[in-house]
Amino acid sequence: MKKLTLLLLGAVAAFAVDYSAMSTEELQAQRGKVAEADKAAFQSEMQSRMQSLSSQERQAMRESRGGSQGGSGSKKQTRGGQ
């Protein structure tokens, strides 16, 4: 049973995506297309990349994505002005 478990884990690891080998642009292109099993690794790598960018680079990346896509802050601010 242990051998079977190790074999299965090895097979899963063999097919896992190595996000650290991708460029930041490639990572951005993968947004919304990541398999459920790979989401944690993808998010971890993306957070690591974002933290290593300067504030100007981070802003440029957000603008290239079409603004802040998941940030509800801007929505809350516009509702408050009604």
PDB file of N, CA and C in Angstrom:
ATOM      1  N   MET A   1       0.821  -1.190   0.000  1.00  0.00           N
ATOM      2  CA  MET A   1       0.000   0.000   0.000  1.00  0.00           C
ATOM      3  C   MET A   1       0.864   1.252   0.000  1.00  0.00           C
ATOM      4  N   LYS A   2       1.941   1.246   0.789  1.00  0.00           N
ATOM      5  CA  LYS A   2       2.836   2.404   0.826  1.00  0.00           C
ATOM      6  C   LYS A   2       3.492   2.632  -0.533  1.00  0.00           C
ATOM      7  N   LYS A   3       3.859   1.545  -1.205  1.00  0.00           N
ATOM      8  CA  LYS A   3       4.493   1.676  -2.518  1.00  0.00           C
ATOM      9  C   LYS A   3       3.534   2.296  -3.526  1.00  0.00           C
ATOM     10  N   LEU A   4       2.279   1.886  -3.455  1.00  0.00           N
ATOM     11  CA  LEU A   4       1.274   2.436  -4.356  1.00  0.00           C
ATOM     12  C   LEU A   4       1.079   3.930  -4.105  1.00  0.00           C
ATOM     13  N   THR A   5       1.014   4.307  -2.848  1.00  0.00           N
ATOM     14  CA  THR A   5       0.849   5.716  -2.486  1.00  0.00           C
ATOM     15  C   THR A   5       2.038   6.536  -2.972  1.00  0.00           C
ATOM     16  N   LEU A   6       3.239   6.045  -2.758  1.00  0.00           N
ATOM     17  CA  LEU A   6       4.434   6.754  -3.214  1.00  0.00           C
ATOM     18  C   LEU A   6       4.470   6.850  -4.737  1.00  0.00           C
ATOM     19  N   LEU A   7       4.048   5.805  -5.399  1.00  0.00           N
ATOM     20  CA  LEU A   7       4.011   5.810  -6.855  1.00  0.00           C
ATOM     21  C   LEU A   7       3.019   6.859  -7.364  1.00  0.00           C
ATOM     22  N   LEU A   8       1.863   6.929  -6.748  1.00  0.00           N
ATOM     23  CA  LEU A   8       0.859   7.915  -7.143  1.00  0.00           C
ATOM     24  C   LEU A   8       1.336   9.341  -6.880  1.00  0.00           C
ATOM     25  N   LEU A   9       1.952   9.554  -5.736  1.00  0.00           N
ATOM     26  CA  LEU A   9       2.478  10.883  -5.429  1.00  0.00           C
ATOM     27  C   LEU A   9       3.578  11.280  -6.407  1.00  0.00           C
ATOM     28  N   GLY A  10       4.404  10.349  -6.773  1.00  0.00           N
ATOM     29  CA  GLY A  10       5.451  10.614  -7.751  1.00  0.00           C
ATOM     30  C   GLY A  10       4.880  10.954  -9.112  1.00  0.00           C
ATOM     31  N   ALA A  11       3.818  10.269  -9.494  1.00  0.00           N
ATOM     32  CA  ALA A  11       3.176  10.546 -10.781  1.00  0.00           C
ATOM     33  C   ALA A  11       2.547  11.926 -10.788  1.00  0.00           C
ATOM     34  N   VAL A  12       1.924  12.310  -9.698  1.00  0.00           N
ATOM     35  CA  VAL A  12       1.321  13.635  -9.602  1.00  0.00           C
ATOM     36  C   VAL A  12       2.401  14.705  -9.666  1.00  0.00           C
ATOM     37  N   ALA A  13       3.486  14.501  -8.969  1.00  0.00           N
ATOM     38  CA  ALA A  13       4.585  15.466  -8.971  1.00  0.00           C
ATOM     39  C   ALA A  13       5.205  15.587 -10.357  1.00  0.00           C
ATOM     40  N   ALA A  14       5.232  14.507 -11.105  1.00  0.00           N
ATOM     41  CA  ALA A  14       5.809  14.532 -12.440  1.00  0.00           C
ATOM     42  C   ALA A  14       4.984  15.397 -13.389  1.00  0.00           C
ATOM     43  N   PHE A  15       3.686  15.486 -13.152  1.00  0.00           N
ATOM     44  CA  PHE A  15       2.814  16.273 -14.016  1.00  0.00           C
ATOM     45  C   PHE A  15       2.508  17.660 -13.460  1.00  0.00           C
ATOM     46  N   ALA A  16       3.049  17.992 -12.325  1.00  0.00           N
ATOM     47  CA  ALA A  16       2.814  19.311 -11.730  1.00  0.00           C
ATOM     48  C   ALA A  16       3.525  20.373 -12.562  1.00  0.00           C
ATOM     49  N   VAL A  17       2.909  21.533 -12.640  1.00  0.00           N
ATOM     50  CA  VAL A  17       3.470  22.633 -13.410  1.00  0.00           C
ATOM     51  C   VAL A  17       4.494  23.372 -12.551  1.00  0.00           C
ATOM     52  N   ASP A  18       5.633  23.680 -13.148  1.00  0.00           N
ATOM     53  CA  ASP A  18       6.675  24.426 -12.447  1.00  0.00           C
ATOM     54  C   ASP A  18       6.519  25.901 -12.789  1.00  0.00           C
ATOM     55  N   TYR A  19       5.769  26.623 -11.969  1.00  0.00           N
ATOM     56  CA  TYR A  19       5.497  28.024 -12.231  1.00  0.00           C
ATOM     57  C   TYR A  19       6.730  28.897 -12.051  1.00  0.00           C
ATOM     58  N   SER A  20       7.697  28.441 -11.277  1.00  0.00           N
ATOM     59  CA  SER A  20       8.905  29.247 -11.061  1.00  0.00           C
ATOM     60  C   SER A  20       9.738  29.356 -12.337  1.00  0.00           C
ATOM     61  N   ALA A  21       9.553  28.434 -13.268  1.00  0.00           N
ATOM     62  CA  ALA A  21      10.302  28.475 -14.524  1.00  0.00           C
ATOM     63  C   ALA A  21       9.651  29.398 -15.549  1.00  0.00           C
ATOM     64  N   MET A  22       8.419  29.865 -15.269  1.00  0.00           N
ATOM     65  CA  MET A  22       7.694  30.725 -16.207  1.00  0.00           C
ATOM     66  C   MET A  22       8.064  32.186 -15.984  1.00  0.00           C
ATOM     67  N   SER A  23       7.954  32.961 -17.047  1.00  0.00           N
ATOM     68  CA  SER A  23       8.147  34.404 -16.917  1.00  0.00           C
ATOM     69  C   SER A  23       6.895  34.995 -16.270  1.00  0.00           C
ATOM     70  N   THR A  24       6.996  36.217 -15.800  1.00  0.00           N
ATOM     71  CA  THR A  24       5.856  36.876 -15.182  1.00  0.00           C
ATOM     72  C   THR A  24       4.723  37.038 -16.188  1.00  0.00           C
ATOM     73  N   GLU A  25       5.065  37.322 -17.439  1.00  0.00           N
ATOM     74  CA  GLU A  25       4.051  37.461 -18.489  1.00  0.00           C
ATOM     75  C   GLU A  25       3.335  36.136 -18.726  1.00  0.00           C
ATOM     76  N   GLU A  26       4.093  35.036 -18.705  1.00  0.00           N
ATOM     77  CA  GLU A  26       3.483  33.714 -18.876  1.00  0.00           C
ATOM     78  C   GLU A  26       2.550  33.399 -17.714  1.00  0.00           C
ATOM     79  N   LEU A  27       2.966  33.787 -16.510  1.00  0.00           N
ATOM     80  CA  LEU A  27       2.101  33.574 -15.350  1.00  0.00           C
ATOM     81  C   LEU A  27       0.801  34.350 -15.498  1.00  0.00           C
ATOM     82  N   GLN A  28       0.908  35.587 -15.938  1.00  0.00           N
ATOM     83  CA  GLN A  28      -0.292  36.399 -16.121  1.00  0.00           C
ATOM     84  C   GLN A  28      -1.228  35.759 -17.138  1.00  0.00           C
ATOM     85  N   ALA A  29      -0.666  35.194 -18.194  1.00  0.00           N
ATOM     86  CA  ALA A  29      -1.479  34.555 -19.227  1.00  0.00           C
ATOM     87  C   ALA A  29      -2.214  33.330 -18.688  1.00  0.00           C
ATOM     88  N   GLN A  30      -1.693  32.739 -17.632  1.00  0.00           N
ATOM     89  CA  GLN A  30      -2.301  31.544 -17.051  1.00  0.00           C
ATOM     90  C   GLN A  30      -3.454  31.852 -16.108  1.00  0.00           C
ATOM     91  N   ARG A  31      -3.629  33.115 -15.730  1.00  0.00           N
ATOM     92  CA  ARG A  31      -4.714  33.488 -14.810  1.00  0.00           C
ATOM     93  C   ARG A  31      -6.049  32.986 -15.326  1.00  0.00           C
ATOM     94  N   GLY A  32      -6.786  32.336 -14.452  1.00  0.00           N
ATOM     95  CA  GLY A  32      -8.097  31.823 -14.808  1.00  0.00           C
ATOM     96  C   GLY A  32      -8.064  30.487 -15.528  1.00  0.00           C
ATOM     97  N   LYS A  33      -6.883  29.996 -15.841  1.00  0.00           N
ATOM     98  CA  LYS A  33      -6.749  28.734 -16.571  1.00  0.00           C
ATOM     99  C   LYS A  33      -6.047  27.656 -15.750  1.00  0.00           C
ATOM    100  N   VAL A  34      -5.744  27.954 -14.513  1.00  0.00           N
ATOM    101  CA  VAL A  34      -4.964  27.049 -13.672  1.00  0.00           C
ATOM    102  C   VAL A  34      -5.857  25.933 -13.145  1.00  0.00           C
ATOM    103  N   ALA A  35      -5.362  24.711 -13.235  1.00  0.00           N
ATOM    104  CA  ALA A  35      -6.103  23.559 -12.718  1.00  0.00           C
ATOM    105  C   ALA A  35      -6.259  23.683 -11.207  1.00  0.00           C
ATOM    106  N   GLU A  36      -7.336  23.169 -10.704  1.00  0.00           N
ATOM    107  CA  GLU A  36      -7.636  23.256  -9.267  1.00  0.00           C
ATOM    108  C   GLU A  36      -6.487  22.716  -8.420  1.00  0.00           C
ATOM    109  N   ALA A  37      -5.867  21.647  -8.863  1.00  0.00           N
ATOM    110  CA  ALA A  37      -4.778  21.031  -8.108  1.00  0.00           C
ATOM    111  C   ALA A  37      -3.528  21.909  -8.070  1.00  0.00           C
ATOM    112  N   ASP A  38      -3.389  22.815  -9.034  1.00  0.00           N
ATOM    113  CA  ASP A  38      -2.198  23.652  -9.124  1.00  0.00           C
ATOM    114  C   ASP A  38      -2.401  25.061  -8.583  1.00  0.00           C
ATOM    115  N   LYS A  39      -3.596  25.397  -8.130  1.00  0.00           N
ATOM    116  CA  LYS A  39      -3.893  26.772  -7.724  1.00  0.00           C
ATOM    117  C   LYS A  39      -3.008  27.271  -6.590  1.00  0.00           C
ATOM    118  N   ALA A  40      -2.743  26.451  -5.610  1.00  0.00           N
ATOM    119  CA  ALA A  40      -1.923  26.888  -4.476  1.00  0.00           C
ATOM    120  C   ALA A  40      -0.514  27.238  -4.931  1.00  0.00           C
ATOM    121  N   ALA A  41       0.070  26.406  -5.781  1.00  0.00           N
ATOM    122  CA  ALA A  41       1.418  26.665  -6.287  1.00  0.00           C
ATOM    123  C   ALA A  41       1.428  27.914  -7.156  1.00  0.00           C
ATOM    124  N   PHE A  42       0.393  28.086  -7.975  1.00  0.00           N
ATOM    125  CA  PHE A  42       0.296  29.265  -8.836  1.00  0.00           C
ATOM    126  C   PHE A  42       0.194  30.540  -8.001  1.00  0.00           C
ATOM    127  N   GLN A  43      -0.693  30.528  -7.012  1.00  0.00           N
ATOM    128  CA  GLN A  43      -0.881  31.705  -6.170  1.00  0.00           C
ATOM    129  C   GLN A  43       0.387  32.038  -5.398  1.00  0.00           C
ATOM    130  N   SER A  44       1.052  31.037  -4.919  1.00  0.00           N
ATOM    131  CA  SER A  44       2.290  31.251  -4.174  1.00  0.00           C
ATOM    132  C   SER A  44       3.348  31.904  -5.061  1.00  0.00           C
ATOM    133  N   GLU A  45       3.510  31.398  -6.268  1.00  0.00           N
ATOM    134  CA  GLU A  45       4.501  31.964  -7.182  1.00  0.00           C
ATOM    135  C   GLU A  45       4.117  33.381  -7.602  1.00  0.00           C
ATOM    136  N   MET A  46       2.832  33.606  -7.859  1.00  0.00           N
ATOM    137  CA  MET A  46       2.390  34.935  -8.264  1.00  0.00           C
ATOM    138  C   MET A  46       2.604  35.948  -7.135  1.00  0.00           C
ATOM    139  N   GLN A  47       2.310  35.557  -5.902  1.00  0.00           N
ATOM    140  CA  GLN A  47       2.542  36.451  -4.760  1.00  0.00           C
ATOM    141  C   GLN A  47       4.026  36.759  -4.610  1.00  0.00           C
ATOM    142  N   SER A  48       4.852  35.761  -4.785  1.00  0.00           N
ATOM    143  CA  SER A  48       6.287  35.946  -4.690  1.00  0.00           C
ATOM    144  C   SER A  48       6.772  36.931  -5.748  1.00  0.00           C
ATOM    145  N   ARG A  49       6.272  36.786  -6.962  1.00  0.00           N
ATOM    146  CA  ARG A  49       6.662  37.697  -8.042  1.00  0.00           C
ATOM    147  C   ARG A  49       6.199  39.114  -7.757  1.00  0.00           C
ATOM    148  N   MET A  50       4.966  39.263  -7.304  1.00  0.00           N
ATOM    149  CA  MET A  50       4.419  40.599  -7.048  1.00  0.00           C
ATOM    150  C   MET A  50       5.194  41.300  -5.943  1.00  0.00           C
ATOM    151  N   GLN A  51       5.595  40.569  -4.917  1.00  0.00           N
ATOM    152  CA  GLN A  51       6.342  41.162  -3.811  1.00  0.00           C
ATOM    153  C   GLN A  51       7.733  41.611  -4.244  1.00  0.00           C
ATOM    154  N   SER A  52       8.290  40.967  -5.249  1.00  0.00           N
ATOM    155  CA  SER A  52       9.638  41.323  -5.692  1.00  0.00           C
ATOM    156  C   SER A  52       9.645  42.500  -6.655  1.00  0.00           C
ATOM    157  N   LEU A  53       8.466  42.929  -7.129  1.00  0.00           N
ATOM    158  CA  LEU A  53       8.391  44.062  -8.050  1.00  0.00           C
ATOM    159  C   LEU A  53       8.412  45.383  -7.297  1.00  0.00           C
ATOM    160  N   SER A  54       8.895  46.412  -7.966  1.00  0.00           N
ATOM    161  CA  SER A  54       8.805  47.755  -7.386  1.00  0.00           C
ATOM    162  C   SER A  54       7.354  48.216  -7.495  1.00  0.00           C
ATOM    163  N   SER A  55       6.998  49.270  -6.792  1.00  0.00           N
ATOM    164  CA  SER A  55       5.615  49.739  -6.830  1.00  0.00           C
ATOM    165  C   SER A  55       5.228  50.197  -8.239  1.00  0.00           C
ATOM    166  N   GLN A  56       6.172  50.765  -8.980  1.00  0.00           N
ATOM    167  CA  GLN A  56       5.890  51.196 -10.350  1.00  0.00           C
ATOM    168  C   GLN A  56       5.643  49.995 -11.258  1.00  0.00           C
ATOM    169  N   GLU A  57       6.463  48.954 -11.101  1.00  0.00           N
ATOM    170  CA  GLU A  57       6.285  47.739 -11.904  1.00  0.00           C
ATOM    171  C   GLU A  57       4.960  47.064 -11.582  1.00  0.00           C
ATOM    172  N   ARG A  58       4.619  47.031 -10.301  1.00  0.00           N
ATOM    173  CA  ARG A  58       3.357  46.436  -9.876  1.00  0.00           C
ATOM    174  C   ARG A  58       2.167  47.181 -10.480  1.00  0.00           C
ATOM    175  N   GLN A  59       2.242  48.520 -10.452  1.00  0.00           N
ATOM    176  CA  GLN A  59       1.168  49.341 -11.018  1.00  0.00           C
ATOM    177  C   GLN A  59       1.046  49.094 -12.523  1.00  0.00           C
ATOM    178  N   ALA A  60       2.173  49.024 -13.224  1.00  0.00           N
ATOM    179  CA  ALA A  60       2.154  48.775 -14.664  1.00  0.00           C
ATOM    180  C   ALA A  60       1.541  47.412 -14.969  1.00  0.00           C
ATOM    181  N   MET A  61       1.841  46.422 -14.137  1.00  0.00           N
ATOM    182  CA  MET A  61       1.285  45.088 -14.339  1.00  0.00           C
ATOM    183  C   MET A  61      -0.227  45.101 -14.132  1.00  0.00           C
ATOM    184  N   ARG A  62      -0.682  45.793 -13.115  1.00  0.00           N
ATOM    185  CA  ARG A  62      -2.127  45.877 -12.869  1.00  0.00           C
ATOM    186  C   ARG A  62      -2.836  46.566 -14.026  1.00  0.00           C
ATOM    187  N   GLU A  63      -2.229  47.627 -14.543  1.00  0.00           N
ATOM    188  CA  GLU A  63      -2.830  48.349 -15.659  1.00  0.00           C
ATOM    189  C   GLU A  63      -2.864  47.501 -16.918  1.00  0.00           C
ATOM    190  N   SER A  64      -1.847  46.676 -17.115  1.00  0.00           N
ATOM    191  CA  SER A  64      -1.819  45.820 -18.300  1.00  0.00           C
ATOM    192  C   SER A  64      -2.885  44.729 -18.227  1.00  0.00           C
ATOM    193  N   ARG A  65      -3.342  44.405 -17.018  1.00  0.00           N
ATOM    194  CA  ARG A  65      -4.415  43.419 -16.836  1.00  0.00           C
ATOM    195  C   ARG A  65      -5.780  44.057 -16.988  1.00  0.00           C
ATOM    196  N   GLY A  66      -5.850  45.342 -17.134  1.00  0.00           N
ATOM    197  CA  GLY A  66      -7.136  46.001 -17.234  1.00  0.00           C
ATOM    198  C   GLY A  66      -7.620  46.502 -15.894  1.00  0.00           C
ATOM    199  N   GLY A  67      -6.722  46.917 -15.046  1.00  0.00           N
ATOM    200  CA  GLY A  67      -7.104  47.443 -13.733  1.00  0.00           C
ATOM    201  C   GLY A  67      -7.015  46.384 -12.671  1.00  0.00           C
ATOM    202  N   SER A  68      -7.509  46.676 -11.519  1.00  0.00           N
ATOM    203  CA  SER A  68      -7.448  45.730 -10.415  1.00  0.00           C
ATOM    204  C   SER A  68      -8.661  44.845 -10.490  1.00  0.00           C
ATOM    205  N   GLN A  69      -8.477  43.625 -10.981  1.00  0.00           N
ATOM    206  CA  GLN A  69      -9.581  42.709 -11.213  1.00  0.00           C
ATOM    207  C   GLN A  69     -10.077  42.069  -9.973  1.00  0.00           C
ATOM    208  N   GLY A  70     -10.136  41.991  -9.036  1.00  0.00           N
ATOM    209  CA  GLY A  70     -10.589  41.299  -7.885  1.00  0.00           C
ATOM    210  C   GLY A  70     -10.616  42.249  -6.737  1.00  0.00           C
ATOM    211  N   GLY A  71     -10.229  43.471  -6.952  1.00  0.00           N
ATOM    212  CA  GLY A  71     -10.254  44.428  -5.864  1.00  0.00           C
ATOM    213  C   GLY A  71     -11.631  45.019  -5.728  1.00  0.00           C
ATOM    214  N   SER A  72     -12.288  44.765  -4.625  1.00  0.00           N
ATOM    215  CA  SER A  72     -13.630  45.309  -4.435  1.00  0.00           C
ATOM    216  C   SER A  72     -13.575  46.708  -3.840  1.00  0.00           C
ATOM    217  N   GLY A  73     -12.402  47.207  -3.539  1.00  0.00           N
ATOM    218  CA  GLY A  73     -12.258  48.528  -2.940  1.00  0.00           C
ATOM    219  C   GLY A  73     -12.824  49.629  -3.808  1.00  0.00           C
ATOM    220  N   SER A  74     -12.571  49.575  -5.104  1.00  0.00           N
ATOM    221  CA  SER A  74     -13.075  50.637  -5.974  1.00  0.00           C
ATOM    222  C   SER A  74     -14.592  50.583  -6.072  1.00  0.00           C
ATOM    223  N   LYS A  75     -15.158  49.405  -6.027  1.00  0.00           N
ATOM    224  CA  LYS A  75     -16.606  49.282  -6.074  1.00  0.00           C
ATOM    225  C   LYS A  75     -17.238  49.874  -4.830  1.00  0.00           C
ATOM    226  N   LYS A  76     -16.635  49.628  -3.696  1.00  0.00           N
ATOM    227  CA  LYS A  76     -17.178  50.169  -2.454  1.00  0.00           C
ATOM    228  C   LYS A  76     -17.107  51.683  -2.457  1.00  0.00           C
ATOM    229  N   GLN A  77     -16.037  52.236  -3.003  1.00  0.00           N
ATOM    230  CA  GLN A  77     -15.887  53.691  -3.014  1.00  0.00           C
ATOM    231  C   GLN A  77     -16.938  54.336  -3.913  1.00  0.00           C
ATOM    232  N   THR A  78     -17.257  53.735  -5.054  1.00  0.00           N
ATOM    233  CA  THR A  78     -18.223  54.342  -5.952  1.00  0.00           C
ATOM    234  C   THR A  78     -19.638  54.229  -5.407  1.00  0.00           C
ATOM    235  N   ARG A  79     -19.933  53.211  -4.651  1.00  0.00           N
ATOM    236  CA  ARG A  79     -21.272  53.061  -4.075  1.00  0.00           C
ATOM    237  C   ARG A  79     -21.532  54.071  -2.974  1.00  0.00           C
ATOM    238  N   GLY A  80     -20.468  54.458  -2.278  1.00  0.00           N
ATOM    239  CA  GLY A  80     -20.627  55.382  -1.170  1.00  0.00           C
ATOM    240  C   GLY A  80     -21.030  56.778  -1.616  1.00  0.00           C
ATOM    241  N   GLY A  81     -20.828  57.117  -2.892  1.00  0.00           N
ATOM    242  CA  GLY A  81     -21.135  58.445  -3.370  1.00  0.00           C
ATOM    243  C   GLY A  81     -22.568  58.634  -3.828  1.00  0.00           C
ATOM    244  N   GLN A  82     -23.421  57.650  -3.662  1.00  0.00           N
ATOM    245  CA  GLN A  82     -24.804  57.734  -4.163  1.00  0.00           C
ATOM    246  C   GLN A  82     -25.655  58.614  -3.331  1.00  0.00           C
TER     247      GLN A  82
END
